[in-house]
Amino acid sequence: MKRLRQIARALLPAALLLPGLAGAQDLLSVWHAAVAHDGQMAVARAAHDASQTLADQAGALWRPQVGLSVAVGAGANDTAMRGARFSAPALGDQNIDQARFSTSVAPGLATELAVQARQPLINAERDAQQEQLRLGAQMGDTSWQAAQTELALATAQRYFELALAQNRVQVLDRQVAALQAARTEAHDRYELGGLPITDVHEADAALAAIRAQRASALLQLETARKQLADSTGLAQPEARLPASALPATPDWLHWQQAMAQDNRQLQLLRDAVRMAEQKLREQGALGKPTLDLVAQAAHQRLAGHGSYGSARNRELNAMVGVQLNIPLSTGGMVQAREREAAHLLTKAQAELELAQQDVERQGWAAWQGLDVGAARIAALQENRTASLARLDATQLGHQVGDRTTLDVLNAQNAAAQAELELAQARVDQVLGRLQLAALANELDEPLLIQINDTLAAASQNPSREAQP
C-alpha cells in the first residue's frame, strides 16, 4: 500500500505536465480537413460561385440585345377606302378622283416575323445597375474570404475545446487513481487504528466527487470530439494543448490600422454603403431620358379568301435609327423611391460607423488580453510549481502524521486545478491571438503554422517546463 501511494505521488506531478496526447492531430491538419469537409464552407463556396456571375451580368448590361419574334395564327382583314385620287401611265394624264378600294380576307392564315436589335447609348439607370452588380461580385469575394477566416477561427476553437476536455479527463483520471490509493490506505489504517473514521469518510466522499466530475468531463469530451468530427470528417479526432511561447505581436497601432483597412466586416459594410449610393442613383435615374440605338425589321403576311375572292396582304418594313424615351410623369413614384433610398443610405452609413467602433473595441480587448494573458500564464506556472511542491510536502507530512488525509486530498485538488487553469490560460492566449488576427484579416496559414509549432514542441518534449 505504501509503495502504491509512493508511485501515485511520483506519477501525479510528472503526468500533470503532459500537455496532450501522443497520437493527436495537429491544428494545421485539422484545419485542412475542415476546409474540405465543413458544411458551412460548402454553403459559402456555393454562394461565392453564384456571386461571381454578377460580374458577367454587369458586362452584359451594356451589350446589344437582339430579339426574334414569330407568330402564326388565323387572321382577318377588311379594308375600304373611298375619296382616293391616283394617276397611272396607262391612263395618260388623267387623274381619277373619288376612287374606291376594298380588300377582304376572312378568315386567313396570318404570319408575322420580326427582328429587333437595341443598343443602349445613354441610360443612367443601367449605369447604376451595372455598378451594383460589380459591387455584388466584389462583396461575394469578401464574404468568401471572411468565411475562410471564420472557419479557421471556429476550427481552432473546437480543436482547443477538445484539447482542454481531453486534458481535464486525464487530470481527473490521475486524481481518481490517487484517491483510490488514498481511500485504500485510509481504510487499511483505520482498521489498524492509525486513522479516525472521519479520514475514511473524507476519502470516500472525495473519491465519489471526483468520479462524478469525471463522468461529466467524459460527456464534455465526447461532445467536443463530435463537434470537431462533424466539421472535419475525422472519425476520432484528438488534439494537443499549446505548451510554448507565442511569437511576439506588433504594437497596437499596427492592429488599429490593419483593422481599419482590412477587416472583412468593415469592407462588406463599406461596399454596402456604395451599394446604397448606387441604389439612390438608380431610383433618381428612373425619371431621366434614355437614348437607344435601334434596328428592326418585320414581315407580316395574311392570305385567304374574302368578299372579292382570293386575297393576300403582305407588309415589309425596316428601320435603323435612335430612339429617345422621355418619362413625363410617374405619379410621384420616382420621388418616393428616391426618399426611401436616401434613408437606406443613411442607415448603411450609420451601421458602418457603429461597426467600426465595435471592431476597434474587440481588437483593443484582444490585444490587451494578450499582454495580460502572458502575465497570467507566468503566475499560473508559478502557482502550479508551488502546488506540486505543496502536494509533495503534504504527502510527506501525511506519512509522518503531521497532515491529515483531508490535507492530502486538498493538496491533490489544488495541484489538479492549477494544471487545468494553466492549460486554459494557454488556450485563451492562443485564441486571443487568433481573434486579433481575424479582426485584422491576418488569420492565415502562416499564423496557423506558428501556432502549430507550439503544439509540435509539446509533443517532442512534453516534460520540459513551458514558458509563457
Protein backbone atom coordinates (compact mmCIF):
# COMPACT_ATOMS: atom_id res chain seq x y z
CA MET A 1 0.00 0.00 0.00
CA LYS A 2 2.80 2.36 0.88
CA ARG A 3 4.53 1.51 -2.40
CA LEU A 4 1.31 2.20 -4.34
CA ARG A 5 0.96 5.55 -2.64
CA GLN A 6 4.56 6.44 -3.43
CA ILE A 7 4.05 5.52 -7.12
CA ALA A 8 0.91 7.64 -7.27
CA ARG A 9 2.75 10.55 -5.62
CA ALA A 10 5.62 10.25 -8.09
CA LEU A 11 3.42 9.96 -11.19
CA LEU A 12 1.00 12.78 -10.47
CA PRO A 13 3.39 15.75 -10.81
CA ALA A 14 5.03 14.35 -13.95
CA ALA A 15 1.70 13.45 -15.50
CA LEU A 16 0.33 16.90 -14.78
CA LEU A 17 2.99 18.29 -17.11
CA LEU A 18 1.74 16.31 -20.12
CA PRO A 19 0.01 18.80 -22.40
CA GLY A 20 -1.54 16.48 -24.92
CA LEU A 21 -1.78 13.07 -26.50
CA ALA A 22 0.99 11.42 -28.46
CA GLY A 23 -1.34 10.37 -31.25
CA ALA A 24 -3.18 13.70 -31.59
CA GLN A 25 -3.60 15.55 -34.89
CA ASP A 26 -2.04 18.97 -35.14
CA LEU A 27 -4.08 22.10 -35.70
CA LEU A 28 -2.96 22.59 -39.29
CA SER A 29 -4.03 19.15 -40.47
CA VAL A 30 -7.37 19.52 -38.70
CA TRP A 31 -7.92 22.89 -40.38
CA HIS A 32 -7.15 21.40 -43.82
CA ALA A 33 -9.70 18.67 -43.13
CA ALA A 34 -12.28 21.28 -42.13
CA VAL A 35 -11.73 23.28 -45.33
CA ALA A 36 -12.55 20.19 -47.39
CA HIS A 37 -15.42 18.89 -45.26
CA ASP A 38 -17.16 21.64 -43.28
CA GLY A 39 -20.80 22.14 -44.27
CA GLN A 40 -20.73 25.91 -43.77
CA MET A 41 -17.79 26.12 -46.15
CA ALA A 42 -19.80 24.25 -48.78
CA VAL A 43 -22.59 26.82 -48.39
CA ALA A 44 -20.12 29.72 -48.57
CA ARG A 45 -18.40 28.22 -51.62
CA ALA A 46 -21.71 27.90 -53.49
CA ALA A 47 -22.67 31.46 -52.54
CA HIS A 48 -19.30 32.71 -53.80
CA ASP A 49 -19.69 30.87 -57.12
CA ALA A 50 -23.14 32.42 -57.55
CA SER A 51 -21.86 35.91 -56.75
CA GLN A 52 -19.20 35.73 -59.45
CA THR A 53 -21.89 35.55 -62.13
CA LEU A 54 -22.81 39.12 -61.18
CA ALA A 55 -19.63 40.37 -62.88
CA ASP A 56 -20.73 38.70 -66.13
CA GLN A 57 -24.18 40.24 -65.75
CA ALA A 58 -22.61 43.68 -65.28
CA GLY A 59 -20.62 43.27 -68.50
CA ALA A 60 -23.68 42.11 -70.43
CA LEU A 61 -25.84 45.02 -69.31
CA TRP A 62 -24.48 47.42 -71.97
CA ARG A 63 -24.13 44.92 -74.82
CA PRO A 64 -26.64 44.90 -77.72
CA GLN A 65 -29.84 42.99 -77.15
CA VAL A 66 -31.32 41.14 -80.14
CA GLY A 67 -34.74 39.54 -80.24
CA LEU A 68 -36.69 37.43 -82.74
CA SER A 69 -40.45 37.02 -82.64
CA VAL A 70 -42.51 34.64 -84.80
CA ALA A 71 -46.31 34.45 -84.80
CA VAL A 72 -48.69 32.15 -86.73
CA GLY A 73 -52.47 32.10 -86.48
CA ALA A 74 -55.84 32.77 -88.07
CA GLY A 75 -56.48 36.36 -89.05
CA ALA A 76 -58.97 38.56 -90.88
CA ASN A 77 -58.73 41.89 -92.66
CA ASP A 78 -61.33 44.15 -94.23
CA THR A 79 -60.16 47.45 -95.76
CA ALA A 80 -62.35 50.02 -97.51
CA MET A 81 -61.10 53.32 -98.93
CA ARG A 82 -63.03 56.00 -100.84
CA GLY A 83 -62.23 59.51 -101.92
CA ALA A 84 -58.80 58.42 -103.18
CA ARG A 85 -57.04 60.01 -106.15
CA PHE A 86 -54.40 58.36 -108.28
CA SER A 87 -52.80 58.50 -111.69
CA ALA A 88 -51.18 55.79 -113.77
CA PRO A 89 -49.23 55.71 -117.06
CA ALA A 90 -51.89 53.60 -118.76
CA LEU A 91 -54.48 56.27 -118.13
CA GLY A 92 -52.45 59.06 -119.58
CA ASP A 93 -52.52 62.34 -117.76
CA GLN A 94 -55.94 61.72 -116.28
CA ASN A 95 -56.41 61.94 -112.55
CA ILE A 96 -59.28 59.97 -111.20
CA ASP A 97 -60.87 61.37 -108.09
CA GLN A 98 -63.32 59.67 -105.82
CA ALA A 99 -61.77 56.22 -106.45
CA ARG A 100 -62.65 53.35 -104.16
CA PHE A 101 -60.51 50.42 -102.99
CA SER A 102 -61.67 47.44 -100.94
CA THR A 103 -59.92 44.26 -99.77
CA SER A 104 -61.25 41.45 -97.65
CA VAL A 105 -59.71 38.32 -96.14
CA ALA A 106 -61.86 36.38 -93.68
CA PRO A 107 -60.52 34.12 -92.39
CA GLY A 108 -56.94 33.60 -93.49
CA LEU A 109 -53.53 32.37 -92.43
CA ALA A 110 -51.62 35.18 -90.71
CA THR A 111 -47.87 35.08 -90.12
CA GLU A 112 -45.50 37.62 -88.64
CA LEU A 113 -41.72 37.60 -88.38
CA ALA A 114 -39.83 40.42 -86.64
CA VAL A 115 -36.23 41.02 -85.61
CA GLN A 116 -35.15 43.86 -83.35
CA ALA A 117 -31.73 44.91 -82.03
CA ARG A 118 -31.29 47.54 -79.33
CA GLN A 119 -28.05 49.11 -78.08
CA PRO A 120 -28.34 51.45 -75.07
CA LEU A 121 -26.43 54.69 -75.61
CA ILE A 122 -27.45 56.88 -72.68
CA ASN A 123 -29.12 55.28 -69.67
CA ALA A 124 -28.31 56.44 -66.14
CA GLU A 125 -30.39 53.64 -64.63
CA ARG A 126 -28.28 50.99 -66.37
CA ASP A 127 -25.11 52.71 -65.19
CA ALA A 128 -26.25 52.41 -61.59
CA GLN A 129 -27.40 48.82 -62.06
CA GLN A 130 -24.06 47.85 -63.59
CA GLU A 131 -22.15 49.31 -60.64
CA GLN A 132 -24.44 47.45 -58.22
CA LEU A 133 -23.70 44.16 -60.00
CA ARG A 134 -19.96 44.81 -59.84
CA LEU A 135 -20.22 45.62 -56.14
CA GLY A 136 -22.23 42.43 -55.62
CA ALA A 137 -19.43 40.36 -57.17
CA GLN A 138 -16.86 42.19 -55.03
CA MET A 139 -18.90 41.59 -51.88
CA GLY A 140 -19.12 37.91 -52.82
CA ASP A 141 -15.32 37.72 -52.86
CA THR A 142 -15.10 39.47 -49.49
CA SER A 143 -17.74 37.19 -47.96
CA TRP A 144 -15.88 34.12 -49.22
CA GLN A 145 -12.63 35.31 -47.64
CA ALA A 146 -14.48 36.11 -44.41
CA ALA A 147 -15.97 32.60 -44.39
CA GLN A 148 -12.49 31.10 -44.61
CA THR A 149 -11.30 33.26 -41.72
CA GLU A 150 -14.34 32.33 -39.65
CA LEU A 151 -13.72 28.64 -40.35
CA ALA A 152 -10.09 28.89 -39.25
CA LEU A 153 -11.14 30.60 -36.01
CA ALA A 154 -14.02 28.20 -35.37
CA THR A 155 -11.81 25.19 -36.09
CA ALA A 156 -9.19 26.43 -33.64
CA GLN A 157 -11.86 26.96 -31.00
CA ARG A 158 -13.26 23.45 -31.50
CA TYR A 159 -9.76 21.99 -31.57
CA PHE A 160 -8.71 23.55 -28.29
CA GLU A 161 -12.06 22.79 -26.67
CA LEU A 162 -11.30 19.15 -27.42
CA ALA A 163 -7.73 19.52 -26.13
CA LEU A 164 -8.99 21.04 -22.87
CA ALA A 165 -11.63 18.34 -22.49
CA GLN A 166 -9.02 15.64 -23.04
CA ASN A 167 -6.69 17.28 -20.54
CA ARG A 168 -9.44 17.52 -17.94
CA VAL A 169 -10.29 13.82 -18.29
CA GLN A 170 -6.61 12.93 -18.00
CA VAL A 171 -6.19 15.02 -14.85
CA LEU A 172 -9.35 13.53 -13.34
CA ASP A 173 -8.19 10.01 -14.23
CA ARG A 174 -4.99 10.63 -12.32
CA GLN A 175 -6.96 12.05 -9.41
CA VAL A 176 -9.23 9.01 -9.38
CA ALA A 177 -6.19 6.72 -9.27
CA ALA A 178 -4.58 8.78 -6.50
CA LEU A 179 -7.79 8.97 -4.47
CA GLN A 180 -8.42 5.26 -4.84
CA ALA A 181 -4.98 4.63 -3.41
CA ALA A 182 -5.64 7.16 -0.64
CA ARG A 183 -9.01 5.59 0.11
CA THR A 184 -7.50 2.11 0.30
CA GLU A 185 -4.79 3.37 2.62
CA ALA A 186 -7.31 5.20 4.79
CA HIS A 187 -9.44 2.09 5.20
CA ASP A 188 -6.41 -0.06 5.97
CA ARG A 189 -5.00 2.38 8.52
CA TYR A 190 -8.41 2.80 10.13
CA GLU A 191 -8.71 -0.93 10.58
CA LEU A 192 -5.28 -0.88 12.22
CA GLY A 193 -6.36 2.00 14.45
CA GLY A 194 -3.99 4.51 12.87
CA LEU A 195 -6.66 6.87 11.46
CA PRO A 196 -10.01 8.14 12.70
CA ILE A 197 -13.22 7.23 10.90
CA THR A 198 -13.51 10.83 9.61
CA ASP A 199 -10.48 10.24 7.38
CA VAL A 200 -12.23 7.22 5.86
CA HIS A 201 -15.39 9.23 5.20
CA GLU A 202 -13.40 12.09 3.68
CA ALA A 203 -11.55 9.72 1.35
CA ASP A 204 -14.81 8.02 0.33
CA ALA A 205 -16.55 11.36 -0.31
CA ALA A 206 -13.60 12.78 -2.26
CA LEU A 207 -13.41 9.70 -4.48
CA ALA A 208 -17.17 9.80 -5.18
CA ALA A 209 -17.00 13.50 -6.05
CA ILE A 210 -14.08 13.01 -8.43
CA ARG A 211 -15.84 10.11 -10.14
CA ALA A 212 -18.88 12.35 -10.68
CA GLN A 213 -16.67 15.08 -12.11
CA ARG A 214 -15.02 12.56 -14.40
CA ALA A 215 -18.40 11.37 -15.72
CA SER A 216 -19.32 14.97 -16.55
CA ALA A 217 -15.90 15.54 -18.13
CA LEU A 218 -16.30 12.45 -20.33
CA LEU A 219 -19.61 13.82 -21.61
CA GLN A 220 -17.96 17.16 -22.40
CA LEU A 221 -15.13 15.31 -24.12
CA GLU A 222 -17.43 13.33 -26.39
CA THR A 223 -19.44 16.46 -27.21
CA ALA A 224 -16.28 18.38 -28.15
CA ARG A 225 -14.97 15.45 -30.19
CA LYS A 226 -18.25 15.13 -32.11
CA GLN A 227 -18.30 18.85 -32.93
CA LEU A 228 -14.80 18.66 -34.37
CA ALA A 229 -15.54 15.38 -36.15
CA ASP A 230 -18.67 16.81 -37.79
CA SER A 231 -16.70 19.81 -39.06
CA THR A 232 -13.63 17.92 -40.29
CA GLY A 233 -14.87 14.47 -41.22
CA LEU A 234 -12.23 12.90 -38.95
CA ALA A 235 -13.55 9.77 -37.25
CA GLN A 236 -11.89 10.16 -33.84
CA PRO A 237 -10.05 13.50 -33.72
CA GLU A 238 -7.53 14.12 -30.95
CA ALA A 239 -5.94 17.43 -30.02
CA ARG A 240 -2.91 18.89 -28.28
CA LEU A 241 -2.60 21.81 -25.93
CA PRO A 242 -0.19 24.70 -26.57
CA ALA A 243 2.89 24.46 -24.39
CA SER A 244 5.35 27.09 -25.61
CA ALA A 245 5.53 30.83 -26.15
CA LEU A 246 3.69 32.53 -29.00
CA PRO A 247 5.67 34.79 -31.35
CA ALA A 248 5.72 38.44 -30.31
CA THR A 249 2.86 40.52 -31.71
CA PRO A 250 3.12 44.02 -33.24
CA ASP A 251 2.08 47.07 -31.25
CA TRP A 252 -1.48 48.39 -31.04
CA LEU A 253 -1.02 50.95 -33.83
CA HIS A 254 -0.36 48.15 -36.32
CA TRP A 255 -3.53 46.32 -35.35
CA GLN A 256 -5.60 49.50 -35.31
CA GLN A 257 -4.55 50.40 -38.85
CA ALA A 258 -4.91 46.84 -40.13
CA MET A 259 -8.44 46.51 -38.73
CA ALA A 260 -9.50 49.87 -40.15
CA GLN A 261 -8.23 48.96 -43.62
CA ASP A 262 -8.63 45.20 -43.94
CA ASN A 263 -11.35 43.99 -41.59
CA ARG A 264 -13.74 41.92 -43.70
CA GLN A 265 -16.86 43.02 -41.87
CA LEU A 266 -15.97 46.68 -42.40
CA GLN A 267 -15.16 46.02 -46.06
CA LEU A 268 -18.59 44.48 -46.56
CA LEU A 269 -20.28 47.41 -44.84
CA ARG A 270 -18.29 49.94 -46.91
CA ASP A 271 -19.43 48.12 -50.04
CA ALA A 272 -22.97 48.16 -48.65
CA VAL A 273 -22.74 51.97 -48.38
CA ARG A 274 -21.58 52.17 -52.00
CA MET A 275 -24.40 49.82 -52.98
CA ALA A 276 -26.91 52.10 -51.25
CA GLU A 277 -25.42 55.10 -53.09
CA GLN A 278 -25.89 53.36 -56.42
CA LYS A 279 -29.42 52.36 -55.46
CA LEU A 280 -30.21 56.02 -54.77
CA ARG A 281 -28.67 56.92 -58.11
CA GLU A 282 -30.76 54.24 -59.85
CA GLN A 283 -34.02 55.49 -58.35
CA GLY A 284 -33.24 59.03 -59.39
CA ALA A 285 -32.46 57.87 -62.93
CA LEU A 286 -35.96 56.45 -63.44
CA GLY A 287 -37.25 59.91 -64.37
CA LYS A 288 -34.40 60.74 -66.78
CA PRO A 289 -34.46 60.38 -70.59
CA THR A 290 -32.79 57.39 -72.25
CA LEU A 291 -31.33 57.07 -75.73
CA ASP A 292 -31.04 53.76 -77.60
CA LEU A 293 -29.72 52.75 -80.99
CA VAL A 294 -32.47 50.63 -82.58
CA ALA A 295 -32.59 48.43 -85.68
CA GLN A 296 -35.66 46.39 -86.58
CA ALA A 297 -37.24 44.55 -89.49
CA ALA A 298 -40.68 42.98 -89.69
CA HIS A 299 -42.60 40.91 -92.26
CA GLN A 300 -46.37 40.41 -91.99
CA ARG A 301 -48.48 38.25 -94.31
CA LEU A 302 -52.22 37.42 -94.45
CA ALA A 303 -53.61 35.09 -97.18
CA GLY A 304 -57.04 33.55 -97.76
CA HIS A 305 -60.45 34.26 -99.32
CA GLY A 306 -62.75 37.17 -98.81
CA SER A 307 -65.71 39.04 -100.30
CA TYR A 308 -63.82 39.58 -103.54
CA GLY A 309 -62.28 36.14 -103.97
CA SER A 310 -58.75 35.01 -103.27
CA ALA A 311 -56.67 37.67 -101.48
CA ARG A 312 -53.26 38.18 -99.94
CA ASN A 313 -51.88 41.11 -97.94
CA ARG A 314 -48.16 41.46 -97.27
CA GLU A 315 -46.25 44.16 -95.41
CA LEU A 316 -42.46 44.51 -95.01
CA ASN A 317 -40.84 47.31 -93.02
CA ALA A 318 -37.38 48.05 -91.64
CA MET A 319 -35.80 50.85 -89.65
CA VAL A 320 -32.39 51.84 -88.24
CA GLY A 321 -32.06 54.86 -86.00
CA VAL A 322 -32.09 56.20 -82.47
CA GLN A 323 -34.94 56.15 -80.01
CA LEU A 324 -35.37 58.80 -77.32
CA ASN A 325 -37.59 57.98 -74.34
CA ILE A 326 -38.63 60.84 -72.05
CA PRO A 327 -40.68 59.98 -68.94
CA LEU A 328 -43.27 62.68 -68.41
CA SER A 329 -44.91 61.66 -65.13
CA THR A 330 -44.68 58.72 -62.72
CA GLY A 331 -47.31 59.95 -60.30
CA GLY A 332 -44.74 60.67 -57.60
CA MET A 333 -43.35 57.12 -57.56
CA VAL A 334 -39.80 58.17 -58.50
CA GLN A 335 -39.65 60.80 -55.78
CA ALA A 336 -40.97 58.37 -53.15
CA ARG A 337 -38.41 55.72 -54.10
CA GLU A 338 -35.63 58.30 -54.02
CA ARG A 339 -36.57 59.26 -50.47
CA GLU A 340 -36.61 55.61 -49.44
CA ALA A 341 -33.17 55.02 -51.00
CA ALA A 342 -31.79 58.13 -49.26
CA HIS A 343 -32.94 56.87 -45.86
CA LEU A 344 -31.45 53.42 -46.57
CA LEU A 345 -28.15 55.09 -47.44
CA THR A 346 -28.18 56.93 -44.10
CA LYS A 347 -28.88 53.61 -42.37
CA ALA A 348 -25.95 51.91 -44.14
CA GLN A 349 -23.60 54.74 -43.15
CA ALA A 350 -24.71 54.53 -39.51
CA GLU A 351 -24.19 50.75 -39.49
CA LEU A 352 -20.65 51.24 -40.83
CA GLU A 353 -19.78 53.78 -38.13
CA LEU A 354 -21.20 51.51 -35.42
CA ALA A 355 -19.27 48.50 -36.73
CA GLN A 356 -16.02 50.49 -36.85
CA GLN A 357 -16.36 51.28 -33.16
CA ASP A 358 -17.28 47.69 -32.33
CA VAL A 359 -14.34 46.20 -34.27
CA GLU A 360 -11.89 48.56 -32.59
CA ARG A 361 -13.28 47.68 -29.15
CA GLN A 362 -12.95 43.96 -29.89
CA GLY A 363 -9.42 44.45 -31.17
CA TRP A 364 -8.37 46.50 -28.16
CA ALA A 365 -9.78 43.88 -25.79
CA ALA A 366 -7.99 41.07 -27.65
CA TRP A 367 -4.68 42.96 -27.75
CA GLN A 368 -4.88 43.83 -24.06
CA GLY A 369 -5.79 40.23 -23.34
CA LEU A 370 -2.54 39.04 -24.91
CA ASP A 371 -0.48 41.25 -22.59
CA VAL A 372 -2.49 40.26 -19.54
CA GLY A 373 -2.52 36.66 -20.70
CA ALA A 374 1.27 36.43 -20.69
CA ALA A 375 1.40 37.67 -17.08
CA ARG A 376 -1.45 35.33 -16.17
CA ILE A 377 0.40 32.34 -17.61
CA ALA A 378 3.58 33.25 -15.74
CA ALA A 379 1.62 33.49 -12.49
CA LEU A 380 -0.19 30.22 -13.11
CA GLN A 381 3.07 28.46 -13.87
CA GLU A 382 4.40 29.62 -10.51
CA ASN A 383 1.15 28.52 -8.91
CA ARG A 384 1.44 25.08 -10.49
CA THR A 385 5.03 24.72 -9.31
CA ALA A 386 4.02 25.79 -5.81
CA SER A 387 1.01 23.45 -5.85
CA LEU A 388 3.15 20.48 -6.80
CA ALA A 389 5.66 21.36 -4.09
CA ARG A 390 2.82 21.70 -1.59
CA LEU A 391 1.44 18.33 -2.66
CA ASP A 392 4.81 16.70 -2.18
CA ALA A 393 5.28 18.30 1.26
CA THR A 394 1.73 17.42 2.33
CA GLN A 395 2.13 13.81 1.33
CA LEU A 396 5.43 13.66 3.22
CA GLY A 397 3.76 15.23 6.26
CA HIS A 398 0.95 12.70 5.99
CA GLN A 399 3.49 9.89 6.15
CA VAL A 400 4.88 11.16 9.45
CA GLY A 401 1.46 12.03 10.86
CA ASP A 402 1.64 15.84 10.63
CA ARG A 403 -1.00 16.12 7.88
CA THR A 404 -4.45 14.56 7.66
CA THR A 405 -5.99 12.70 4.76
CA LEU A 406 -8.12 15.78 4.07
CA ASP A 407 -4.95 17.87 3.76
CA VAL A 408 -3.61 15.44 1.15
CA LEU A 409 -6.91 15.45 -0.75
CA ASN A 410 -7.00 19.24 -0.77
CA ALA A 411 -3.41 19.42 -1.99
CA GLN A 412 -4.15 16.97 -4.80
CA ASN A 413 -7.20 19.01 -5.84
CA ALA A 414 -5.16 22.21 -5.77
CA ALA A 415 -2.44 20.67 -7.96
CA ALA A 416 -5.00 19.42 -10.46
CA GLN A 417 -6.81 22.75 -10.52
CA ALA A 418 -3.53 24.58 -11.10
CA GLU A 419 -2.83 22.35 -14.11
CA LEU A 420 -6.28 22.92 -15.58
CA GLU A 421 -6.10 26.69 -15.07
CA LEU A 422 -2.69 26.84 -16.74
CA ALA A 423 -3.97 24.86 -19.73
CA GLN A 424 -7.00 27.17 -20.01
CA ALA A 425 -4.80 30.27 -19.84
CA ARG A 426 -2.56 28.99 -22.64
CA VAL A 427 -5.57 28.22 -24.80
CA ASP A 428 -7.09 31.64 -24.07
CA GLN A 429 -3.84 33.31 -25.14
CA VAL A 430 -3.74 31.39 -28.43
CA LEU A 431 -7.40 32.05 -29.18
CA GLY A 432 -6.95 35.72 -28.33
CA ARG A 433 -4.08 35.92 -30.80
CA LEU A 434 -6.18 34.24 -33.47
CA GLN A 435 -9.13 36.52 -32.72
CA LEU A 436 -6.93 39.59 -33.09
CA ALA A 437 -5.55 38.28 -36.38
CA ALA A 438 -9.07 37.55 -37.63
CA LEU A 439 -10.18 41.12 -36.89
CA ALA A 440 -7.19 42.45 -38.88
CA ASN A 441 -7.61 39.93 -41.71
CA GLU A 442 -4.28 38.32 -40.86
CA LEU A 443 -5.54 34.89 -39.81
CA ASP A 444 -3.86 32.80 -42.49
CA GLU A 445 -1.96 29.55 -42.88
CA PRO A 446 1.44 31.00 -41.82
CA LEU A 447 -0.08 32.05 -38.49
CA LEU A 448 -1.65 28.62 -38.03
CA ILE A 449 1.78 27.12 -38.71
CA GLN A 450 3.25 29.32 -35.94
CA ILE A 451 0.52 28.16 -33.56
CA ASN A 452 1.09 24.60 -34.71
CA ASP A 453 4.77 24.86 -33.78
CA THR A 454 3.81 25.36 -30.13
CA LEU A 455 1.88 22.08 -30.29
CA ALA A 456 4.73 20.25 -32.02
CA ALA A 457 7.10 21.43 -29.30
CA ALA A 458 4.75 19.98 -26.74
CA SER A 459 4.76 16.55 -28.37
CA GLN A 460 8.52 16.48 -28.90
CA ASN A 461 9.44 17.42 -25.34
CA PRO A 462 6.37 17.09 -23.14
CA SER A 463 8.24 17.09 -19.86
CA ARG A 464 10.03 20.38 -20.22
CA GLU A 465 8.80 23.49 -18.44
CA ALA A 466 6.92 25.68 -20.95
CA GLN A 467 7.40 29.43 -20.95
CA PRO A 468 4.58 31.95 -21.40
